[in-house]
Amino acid sequence: VQLQAFGGGLVRPGDSLRLSCAASGETFRNGAVGWFRQSPGKEREFVAAFRWRGYYADSVKGRFTISRDNAKNTVYLQMNSLKPEDTAVYYCAAGNRIIMSTMATGTAYDYWGQGTLVTVSS
């Protein structure tokens, strides 16, 4: 199973960006797919996940939207109203054994993509 995240880049505060995570080798139709991020000097943190519906960290709720296209085996993270504190490497992850209580727990995910850098700066 391979996950490939892409779509990162340099944007200004207030701008939007859409990340994509394409899965190959297995479908996760009944599993969960999540996005995590890590900034320099900080621990990896949960951003959003999708299983039947979206789940979000408080810091991105109302600004980010996660969606899933099962036909393309791809998950998207639409990021609006970006802030400098959103700057990080964003990773997508997937797993078939994730339940609601572990949705935000990185160690619950079995597969990880390589990460894509998002930089929000004026």
Protein backbone atom coordinates (compact mmCIF):
# COMPACT_ATOMS: atom_id res chain seq x y z
CA VAL A 1 0.00 0.00 0.00
CA GLN A 2 1.33 3.39 -0.94
CA LEU A 3 0.04 6.82 -0.14
CA GLN A 4 1.18 9.86 -2.03
CA ALA A 5 0.44 13.33 -0.74
CA PHE A 6 0.80 16.35 -2.95
CA GLY A 7 -0.50 19.86 -3.44
CA GLY A 8 1.60 21.77 -0.93
CA GLY A 9 3.21 25.09 -1.68
CA LEU A 10 3.86 28.66 -0.61
CA VAL A 11 0.79 30.79 -0.05
CA ARG A 12 -0.07 34.03 1.68
CA PRO A 13 -2.18 34.32 4.83
CA GLY A 14 -5.84 34.10 3.94
CA ASP A 15 -5.23 32.06 0.82
CA SER A 16 -6.55 28.59 0.07
CA LEU A 17 -4.83 25.37 -0.88
CA ARG A 18 -6.03 21.85 -1.59
CA LEU A 19 -3.98 18.83 -0.66
CA SER A 20 -4.54 15.44 -2.22
CA CYS A 21 -3.68 11.98 -0.97
CA ALA A 22 -3.79 9.20 -3.53
CA ALA A 23 -3.75 5.59 -2.41
CA SER A 24 -2.55 2.66 -4.48
CA GLY A 25 -2.42 -1.02 -3.78
CA GLU A 26 -5.51 -1.09 -1.61
CA THR A 27 -8.71 0.78 -1.20
CA PHE A 28 -9.83 2.22 2.08
CA ARG A 29 -13.47 2.35 1.33
CA ASN A 30 -14.40 1.13 4.79
CA GLY A 31 -11.39 2.50 6.63
CA ALA A 32 -10.27 5.92 7.73
CA VAL A 33 -7.91 8.37 6.11
CA GLY A 34 -6.38 11.20 8.06
CA TRP A 35 -4.15 14.22 7.73
CA PHE A 36 -1.49 15.09 10.26
CA ARG A 37 1.08 17.85 10.24
CA GLN A 38 4.40 18.60 11.81
CA SER A 39 6.14 21.93 12.18
CA PRO A 40 9.87 22.32 12.96
CA GLY A 41 10.49 21.71 16.62
CA LYS A 42 6.95 20.52 17.27
CA GLU A 43 5.34 17.16 17.60
CA ARG A 44 3.15 15.75 14.90
CA GLU A 45 -0.45 16.78 15.37
CA PHE A 46 -3.80 15.64 14.07
CA VAL A 47 -5.51 17.83 11.50
CA ALA A 48 -8.49 15.96 10.09
CA ALA A 49 -9.77 12.49 9.27
CA PHE A 50 -12.57 10.97 7.28
CA ARG A 51 -14.57 7.88 7.94
CA TRP A 52 -18.20 8.21 6.95
CA ARG A 53 -17.81 11.90 7.89
CA GLY A 54 -15.12 14.41 8.67
CA TYR A 55 -13.40 14.88 12.00
CA TYR A 56 -11.31 17.97 12.69
CA ALA A 57 -8.85 19.42 15.13
CA ASP A 58 -10.20 22.50 16.86
CA SER A 59 -7.46 24.62 15.32
CA VAL A 60 -8.73 23.98 11.77
CA LYS A 61 -12.45 23.49 12.32
CA GLY A 62 -14.43 25.79 10.07
CA ARG A 63 -11.44 26.45 7.80
CA PHE A 64 -10.43 23.00 6.56
CA THR A 65 -12.64 20.42 4.88
CA ILE A 66 -11.72 16.80 4.29
CA SER A 67 -13.43 14.85 1.57
CA ARG A 68 -13.07 11.52 -0.12
CA ASP A 69 -13.47 10.26 -3.68
CA ASN A 70 -13.73 6.48 -3.48
CA ALA A 71 -13.74 6.10 -7.26
CA LYS A 72 -10.31 7.72 -7.41
CA ASN A 73 -9.13 6.30 -4.08
CA THR A 74 -8.15 9.83 -3.15
CA VAL A 75 -8.73 12.01 -0.13
CA TYR A 76 -8.61 15.80 -0.27
CA LEU A 77 -7.95 18.44 2.34
CA GLN A 78 -9.33 21.81 1.33
CA MET A 79 -7.62 24.46 3.41
CA ASN A 80 -9.12 27.93 3.47
CA SER A 81 -8.21 31.07 5.39
CA LEU A 82 -4.70 29.78 5.90
CA LYS A 83 -2.65 31.22 8.73
CA PRO A 84 1.12 31.30 9.30
CA GLU A 85 0.65 28.78 12.09
CA ASP A 86 -0.64 26.30 9.52
CA THR A 87 2.87 26.10 8.11
CA ALA A 88 4.00 22.49 8.37
CA VAL A 89 4.70 19.31 6.51
CA TYR A 90 1.38 17.62 5.98
CA TYR A 91 1.14 13.84 5.98
CA CYS A 92 -1.73 11.64 4.99
CA ALA A 93 -2.30 8.34 6.70
CA ALA A 94 -4.73 5.47 6.38
CA GLY A 95 -5.88 2.44 8.28
CA ASN A 96 -8.67 -0.07 8.46
CA ARG A 97 -8.78 -0.58 12.23
CA ILE A 98 -9.43 2.99 13.31
CA ILE A 99 -12.41 3.76 15.50
CA MET A 100 -13.81 7.10 16.57
CA SER A 101 -11.76 7.25 19.76
CA THR A 102 -8.49 6.74 17.85
CA MET A 103 -9.23 8.96 14.86
CA ALA A 104 -6.74 11.60 16.06
CA THR A 105 -4.08 9.13 17.16
CA GLY A 106 -1.23 8.80 14.72
CA THR A 107 -0.12 5.40 15.95
CA ALA A 108 -3.53 3.96 15.05
CA TYR A 109 -2.82 4.43 11.35
CA ASP A 110 -1.02 1.71 9.42
CA TYR A 111 0.08 3.54 6.30
CA TRP A 112 1.69 6.94 5.80
CA GLY A 113 2.49 9.13 2.82
CA GLN A 114 5.73 11.03 2.34
CA GLY A 115 4.46 14.47 3.30
CA THR A 116 3.97 17.71 1.44
CA LEU A 117 5.17 21.10 2.67
CA VAL A 118 2.73 23.94 3.20
CA THR A 119 4.20 27.34 3.89
CA VAL A 120 1.97 30.27 4.79
CA SER A 121 3.87 33.51 4.76
CA SER A 122 3.47 37.08 3.63
